[in-house]
Amino acid sequence: MEEIVKKEYIEGDETLVFASTSVVKVVLLSLVTFGFYHIILVFSYWKQLKNNFGHKVSPFWRALFLGFSNFALFPIFEKYLNHFNQKVFNPAALAIIFFFCNGANNKISIKTMGMTEINWALEIISWVLLIVMTIIFAVFQNKINLINELNYPQAPKNPWKTSNTVWFVICFLLLSIGYLPVE
């Protein structure tokens, strides 16, 4: 744990944890916001690293450029998970996969933005890329939740709130409207 903590390390320090967030929340909000929730999630991870672990970073910029900052975040997760004997796939490979999926998804979004008709092949590819990116965060969050459940039952929780429901409904409606035929 010492290698990711940038402040005085104290064994059993209850603040040296990431918040527990339901994997269902991560998946649903990531999909319905078409990946925007990834930015919010990465912001919260970096904010916890700054506030709890002593990292001198700007969570805002790290979240905004998550395609790049994941190359730093995922190895930190690996060290954290290894400390608790939780294994995860190679973090550099996951960062590369996320980076290319994100880039490809952005290119598809830009290409389809001006189209008057839906190109279903591109839409399906875009959804598959989004699902892959979401799975990466869901796996990390699942491991964090397991660590908290076993070692830090008092860890902060990020539960499903009324605001999540409101944003889910709004984004779901906007997403649905986007697939309606234009006449």
C-alpha atoms as a PDB file:
ATOM      1  CA  MET A   1       0.000   0.000   0.000  1.00  0.00           C
ATOM      2  CA  GLU A   2       2.919   2.317   0.732  1.00  0.00           C
ATOM      3  CA  GLU A   3       3.739   2.652  -2.962  1.00  0.00           C
ATOM      4  CA  ILE A   4       0.432   4.395  -3.794  1.00  0.00           C
ATOM      5  CA  VAL A   5       0.173   6.478  -0.618  1.00  0.00           C
ATOM      6  CA  LYS A   6       1.883   9.850  -0.983  1.00  0.00           C
ATOM      7  CA  LYS A   7       1.462  10.924   2.638  1.00  0.00           C
ATOM      8  CA  GLU A   8       2.312   9.456   6.021  1.00  0.00           C
ATOM      9  CA  TYR A   9       1.295   5.802   5.838  1.00  0.00           C
ATOM     10  CA  ILE A  10      -0.450   4.410   8.887  1.00  0.00           C
ATOM     11  CA  GLU A  11      -1.296   0.722   8.970  1.00  0.00           C
ATOM     12  CA  GLY A  12      -5.054   0.214   9.074  1.00  0.00           C
ATOM     13  CA  ASP A  13      -5.834   3.836   8.128  1.00  0.00           C
ATOM     14  CA  GLU A  14      -9.538   3.779   7.273  1.00  0.00           C
ATOM     15  CA  THR A  15      -9.157   6.738   4.864  1.00  0.00           C
ATOM     16  CA  LEU A  16      -6.878   4.784   2.513  1.00  0.00           C
ATOM     17  CA  VAL A  17      -9.797   3.360   0.582  1.00  0.00           C
ATOM     18  CA  PHE A  18     -11.830   4.046  -2.508  1.00  0.00           C
ATOM     19  CA  ALA A  19     -15.577   4.522  -2.152  1.00  0.00           C
ATOM     20  CA  SER A  20     -17.896   1.590  -2.742  1.00  0.00           C
ATOM     21  CA  THR A  21     -20.129   2.139  -5.751  1.00  0.00           C
ATOM     22  CA  SER A  22     -22.601  -0.409  -7.008  1.00  0.00           C
ATOM     23  CA  VAL A  23     -21.404  -2.097 -10.192  1.00  0.00           C
ATOM     24  CA  VAL A  24     -24.992  -1.866 -11.448  1.00  0.00           C
ATOM     25  CA  LYS A  25     -24.829   1.913 -10.977  1.00  0.00           C
ATOM     26  CA  VAL A  26     -21.539   2.075 -12.890  1.00  0.00           C
ATOM     27  CA  VAL A  27     -22.923   0.009 -15.760  1.00  0.00           C
ATOM     28  CA  LEU A  28     -26.354   1.642 -16.030  1.00  0.00           C
ATOM     29  CA  LEU A  29     -25.131   5.225 -15.809  1.00  0.00           C
ATOM     30  CA  SER A  30     -22.207   4.549 -18.141  1.00  0.00           C
ATOM     31  CA  LEU A  31     -24.461   3.070 -20.800  1.00  0.00           C
ATOM     32  CA  VAL A  32     -27.342   5.519 -20.569  1.00  0.00           C
ATOM     33  CA  THR A  33     -24.995   8.538 -20.624  1.00  0.00           C
ATOM     34  CA  PHE A  34     -23.089   6.917 -23.474  1.00  0.00           C
ATOM     35  CA  GLY A  35     -19.848   6.985 -21.504  1.00  0.00           C
ATOM     36  CA  PHE A  36     -20.081  10.413 -19.884  1.00  0.00           C
ATOM     37  CA  TYR A  37     -20.337   8.701 -16.493  1.00  0.00           C
ATOM     38  CA  HIS A  38     -16.806   7.377 -17.073  1.00  0.00           C
ATOM     39  CA  ILE A  39     -15.598  10.976 -16.692  1.00  0.00           C
ATOM     40  CA  ILE A  40     -17.490  11.366 -13.416  1.00  0.00           C
ATOM     41  CA  LEU A  41     -16.171   8.036 -12.150  1.00  0.00           C
ATOM     42  CA  VAL A  42     -12.559   8.849 -13.026  1.00  0.00           C
ATOM     43  CA  PHE A  43     -12.964  12.275 -11.407  1.00  0.00           C
ATOM     44  CA  SER A  44     -14.076  10.595  -8.186  1.00  0.00           C
ATOM     45  CA  TYR A  45     -11.160   8.108  -8.288  1.00  0.00           C
ATOM     46  CA  TRP A  46      -8.599  10.894  -8.750  1.00  0.00           C
ATOM     47  CA  LYS A  47     -10.298  13.027  -6.101  1.00  0.00           C
ATOM     48  CA  GLN A  48     -10.023  10.139  -3.638  1.00  0.00           C
ATOM     49  CA  LEU A  49      -6.370   9.655  -4.584  1.00  0.00           C
ATOM     50  CA  LYS A  50      -5.773  13.361  -3.963  1.00  0.00           C
ATOM     51  CA  ASN A  51      -7.739  13.649  -0.703  1.00  0.00           C
ATOM     52  CA  ASN A  52      -7.119  10.236   0.847  1.00  0.00           C
ATOM     53  CA  PHE A  53      -3.799   9.059  -0.586  1.00  0.00           C
ATOM     54  CA  GLY A  54      -1.982  12.402  -0.869  1.00  0.00           C
ATOM     55  CA  HIS A  55      -1.481  12.504  -4.652  1.00  0.00           C
ATOM     56  CA  LYS A  56      -0.833  16.010  -5.965  1.00  0.00           C
ATOM     57  CA  VAL A  57      -3.133  15.932  -9.009  1.00  0.00           C
ATOM     58  CA  SER A  58      -6.004  17.858 -10.512  1.00  0.00           C
ATOM     59  CA  PRO A  59      -8.954  15.446 -10.621  1.00  0.00           C
ATOM     60  CA  PHE A  60     -10.769  17.695 -13.111  1.00  0.00           C
ATOM     61  CA  TRP A  61      -8.054  17.547 -15.763  1.00  0.00           C
ATOM     62  CA  ARG A  62      -7.328  13.882 -15.105  1.00  0.00           C
ATOM     63  CA  ALA A  63     -11.008  13.095 -15.633  1.00  0.00           C
ATOM     64  CA  LEU A  64     -11.343  15.297 -18.699  1.00  0.00           C
ATOM     65  CA  PHE A  65      -8.412  13.510 -20.347  1.00  0.00           C
ATOM     66  CA  LEU A  66      -9.242  10.082 -18.992  1.00  0.00           C
ATOM     67  CA  GLY A  67      -8.093   8.346 -22.165  1.00  0.00           C
ATOM     68  CA  PHE A  68      -4.578   9.419 -21.246  1.00  0.00           C
ATOM     69  CA  SER A  69      -4.802   9.557 -17.452  1.00  0.00           C
ATOM     70  CA  ASN A  70      -5.959   5.932 -17.269  1.00  0.00           C
ATOM     71  CA  PHE A  71      -2.356   4.996 -18.102  1.00  0.00           C
ATOM     72  CA  ALA A  72      -1.497   6.354 -14.632  1.00  0.00           C
ATOM     73  CA  LEU A  73      -4.735   5.392 -12.851  1.00  0.00           C
ATOM     74  CA  PHE A  74      -4.898   1.713 -13.808  1.00  0.00           C
ATOM     75  CA  PRO A  75      -1.391   0.865 -12.468  1.00  0.00           C
ATOM     76  CA  ILE A  76      -2.351   2.580  -9.200  1.00  0.00           C
ATOM     77  CA  PHE A  77      -5.429   0.347  -9.079  1.00  0.00           C
ATOM     78  CA  GLU A  78      -3.216  -2.685  -9.738  1.00  0.00           C
ATOM     79  CA  LYS A  79      -0.950  -1.824  -6.781  1.00  0.00           C
ATOM     80  CA  TYR A  80      -3.978  -1.208  -4.567  1.00  0.00           C
ATOM     81  CA  LEU A  81      -5.642  -4.468  -5.602  1.00  0.00           C
ATOM     82  CA  ASN A  82      -2.415  -6.479  -5.288  1.00  0.00           C
ATOM     83  CA  HIS A  83      -2.066  -5.252  -1.705  1.00  0.00           C
ATOM     84  CA  PHE A  84      -5.318  -7.089  -0.965  1.00  0.00           C
ATOM     85  CA  ASN A  85      -4.495 -10.117  -3.158  1.00  0.00           C
ATOM     86  CA  GLN A  86      -7.025  -9.105  -5.798  1.00  0.00           C
ATOM     87  CA  LYS A  87      -5.720  -9.785  -9.273  1.00  0.00           C
ATOM     88  CA  VAL A  88      -6.718  -7.860 -12.357  1.00  0.00           C
ATOM     89  CA  PHE A  89      -5.733  -8.126 -15.993  1.00  0.00           C
ATOM     90  CA  ASN A  90      -2.623  -6.180 -17.059  1.00  0.00           C
ATOM     91  CA  PRO A  91      -3.376  -2.490 -16.304  1.00  0.00           C
ATOM     92  CA  ALA A  92      -1.313  -1.193 -19.230  1.00  0.00           C
ATOM     93  CA  ALA A  93      -3.253  -3.450 -21.605  1.00  0.00           C
ATOM     94  CA  LEU A  94      -6.564  -2.264 -20.114  1.00  0.00           C
ATOM     95  CA  ALA A  95      -5.476   1.373 -20.516  1.00  0.00           C
ATOM     96  CA  ILE A  96      -4.528   0.707 -24.152  1.00  0.00           C
ATOM     97  CA  ILE A  97      -7.823  -1.082 -24.817  1.00  0.00           C
ATOM     98  CA  PHE A  98      -9.760   1.777 -23.215  1.00  0.00           C
ATOM     99  CA  PHE A  99      -7.746   4.394 -25.113  1.00  0.00           C
ATOM    100  CA  PHE A 100      -8.387   2.821 -28.513  1.00  0.00           C
ATOM    101  CA  CYS A 101     -12.043   1.997 -27.797  1.00  0.00           C
ATOM    102  CA  ASN A 102     -12.595   5.577 -26.656  1.00  0.00           C
ATOM    103  CA  GLY A 103     -10.833   7.016 -29.698  1.00  0.00           C
ATOM    104  CA  ALA A 104     -12.707   4.762 -32.121  1.00  0.00           C
ATOM    105  CA  ASN A 105     -16.013   5.537 -30.418  1.00  0.00           C
ATOM    106  CA  ASN A 106     -15.341   9.275 -30.673  1.00  0.00           C
ATOM    107  CA  LYS A 107     -14.515   8.961 -34.381  1.00  0.00           C
ATOM    108  CA  ILE A 108     -17.734   7.035 -34.994  1.00  0.00           C
ATOM    109  CA  SER A 109     -19.730   9.641 -33.055  1.00  0.00           C
ATOM    110  CA  ILE A 110     -18.252  12.472 -35.103  1.00  0.00           C
ATOM    111  CA  LYS A 111     -18.863  10.591 -38.348  1.00  0.00           C
ATOM    112  CA  THR A 112     -22.492   9.768 -37.529  1.00  0.00           C
ATOM    113  CA  MET A 113     -23.330  13.179 -36.097  1.00  0.00           C
ATOM    114  CA  GLY A 114     -24.178  14.708 -39.470  1.00  0.00           C
ATOM    115  CA  MET A 115     -26.027  11.689 -40.842  1.00  0.00           C
ATOM    116  CA  THR A 116     -29.762  11.987 -41.409  1.00  0.00           C
ATOM    117  CA  GLU A 117     -30.272   8.221 -41.258  1.00  0.00           C
ATOM    118  CA  ILE A 118     -28.965   5.837 -38.635  1.00  0.00           C
ATOM    119  CA  ASN A 119     -26.114   3.625 -39.775  1.00  0.00           C
ATOM    120  CA  TRP A 120     -26.905   0.555 -37.692  1.00  0.00           C
ATOM    121  CA  ALA A 121     -23.530  -1.093 -38.302  1.00  0.00           C
ATOM    122  CA  LEU A 122     -21.725   1.939 -36.859  1.00  0.00           C
ATOM    123  CA  GLU A 123     -24.219   2.165 -33.992  1.00  0.00           C
ATOM    124  CA  ILE A 124     -23.644  -1.472 -33.048  1.00  0.00           C
ATOM    125  CA  ILE A 125     -19.866  -1.029 -33.199  1.00  0.00           C
ATOM    126  CA  SER A 126     -20.175   2.097 -31.053  1.00  0.00           C
ATOM    127  CA  TRP A 127     -22.258   0.265 -28.450  1.00  0.00           C
ATOM    128  CA  VAL A 128     -19.805  -2.647 -28.356  1.00  0.00           C
ATOM    129  CA  LEU A 129     -16.919  -0.227 -27.779  1.00  0.00           C
ATOM    130  CA  LEU A 130     -18.891   1.507 -25.019  1.00  0.00           C
ATOM    131  CA  ILE A 131     -19.666  -1.829 -23.370  1.00  0.00           C
ATOM    132  CA  VAL A 132     -15.973  -2.823 -23.428  1.00  0.00           C
ATOM    133  CA  MET A 133     -14.988   0.486 -21.787  1.00  0.00           C
ATOM    134  CA  THR A 134     -17.744   0.089 -19.207  1.00  0.00           C
ATOM    135  CA  ILE A 135     -16.691  -3.477 -18.388  1.00  0.00           C
ATOM    136  CA  ILE A 136     -13.178  -2.235 -17.593  1.00  0.00           C
ATOM    137  CA  PHE A 137     -14.507   0.199 -14.976  1.00  0.00           C
ATOM    138  CA  ALA A 138     -17.046  -2.322 -13.701  1.00  0.00           C
ATOM    139  CA  VAL A 139     -14.274  -4.870 -13.059  1.00  0.00           C
ATOM    140  CA  PHE A 140     -12.155  -2.346 -11.136  1.00  0.00           C
ATOM    141  CA  GLN A 141     -15.149  -1.145  -9.135  1.00  0.00           C
ATOM    142  CA  ASN A 142     -16.205  -4.709  -8.353  1.00  0.00           C
ATOM    143  CA  LYS A 143     -12.725  -5.443  -6.961  1.00  0.00           C
ATOM    144  CA  ILE A 144     -12.775  -2.207  -4.916  1.00  0.00           C
ATOM    145  CA  ASN A 145     -16.193  -3.134  -3.524  1.00  0.00           C
ATOM    146  CA  LEU A 146     -14.941  -6.601  -2.578  1.00  0.00           C
ATOM    147  CA  ILE A 147     -11.918  -5.125  -0.783  1.00  0.00           C
ATOM    148  CA  ASN A 148     -14.158  -2.715   1.098  1.00  0.00           C
ATOM    149  CA  GLU A 149     -16.597  -5.459   2.029  1.00  0.00           C
ATOM    150  CA  LEU A 150     -13.830  -7.682   3.405  1.00  0.00           C
ATOM    151  CA  ASN A 151     -11.481  -5.089   4.917  1.00  0.00           C
ATOM    152  CA  TYR A 152     -13.216  -1.712   5.266  1.00  0.00           C
ATOM    153  CA  PRO A 153     -16.892  -2.137   6.107  1.00  0.00           C
ATOM    154  CA  GLN A 154     -17.006   1.566   7.081  1.00  0.00           C
ATOM    155  CA  ALA A 155     -15.648   2.689   3.677  1.00  0.00           C
ATOM    156  CA  PRO A 156     -17.536   5.587   2.093  1.00  0.00           C
ATOM    157  CA  LYS A 157     -20.457   4.526  -0.055  1.00  0.00           C
ATOM    158  CA  ASN A 158     -21.628   6.067  -3.294  1.00  0.00           C
ATOM    159  CA  PRO A 159     -25.209   4.768  -3.350  1.00  0.00           C
ATOM    160  CA  TRP A 160     -27.846   5.216  -6.000  1.00  0.00           C
ATOM    161  CA  LYS A 161     -29.466   8.580  -5.281  1.00  0.00           C
ATOM    162  CA  THR A 162     -32.528  10.440  -6.502  1.00  0.00           C
ATOM    163  CA  SER A 163     -30.260  12.551  -8.716  1.00  0.00           C
ATOM    164  CA  ASN A 164     -29.014   9.350 -10.367  1.00  0.00           C
ATOM    165  CA  THR A 165     -32.589   8.363 -11.119  1.00  0.00           C
ATOM    166  CA  VAL A 166     -33.371  11.791 -12.556  1.00  0.00           C
ATOM    167  CA  TRP A 167     -30.277  11.746 -14.789  1.00  0.00           C
ATOM    168  CA  PHE A 168     -30.954   8.139 -15.787  1.00  0.00           C
ATOM    169  CA  VAL A 169     -34.483   9.007 -16.930  1.00  0.00           C
ATOM    170  CA  ILE A 170     -33.397  12.182 -18.753  1.00  0.00           C
ATOM    171  CA  CYS A 171     -30.513  10.460 -20.522  1.00  0.00           C
ATOM    172  CA  PHE A 172     -32.604   7.397 -21.350  1.00  0.00           C
ATOM    173  CA  LEU A 173     -35.272   9.605 -22.926  1.00  0.00           C
ATOM    174  CA  LEU A 174     -32.669  11.579 -24.908  1.00  0.00           C
ATOM    175  CA  LEU A 175     -31.021   8.363 -26.039  1.00  0.00           C
ATOM    176  CA  SER A 176     -34.393   6.936 -27.078  1.00  0.00           C
ATOM    177  CA  ILE A 177     -35.335  10.095 -28.955  1.00  0.00           C
ATOM    178  CA  GLY A 178     -32.040   9.856 -30.831  1.00  0.00           C
ATOM    179  CA  TYR A 179     -33.150   6.557 -32.338  1.00  0.00           C
ATOM    180  CA  LEU A 180     -36.559   7.799 -33.479  1.00  0.00           C
ATOM    181  CA  PRO A 181     -36.897   8.180 -37.237  1.00  0.00           C
ATOM    182  CA  VAL A 182     -36.538  11.708 -38.567  1.00  0.00           C
ATOM    183  CA  GLU A 183     -39.193  12.670 -41.084  1.00  0.00           C
END
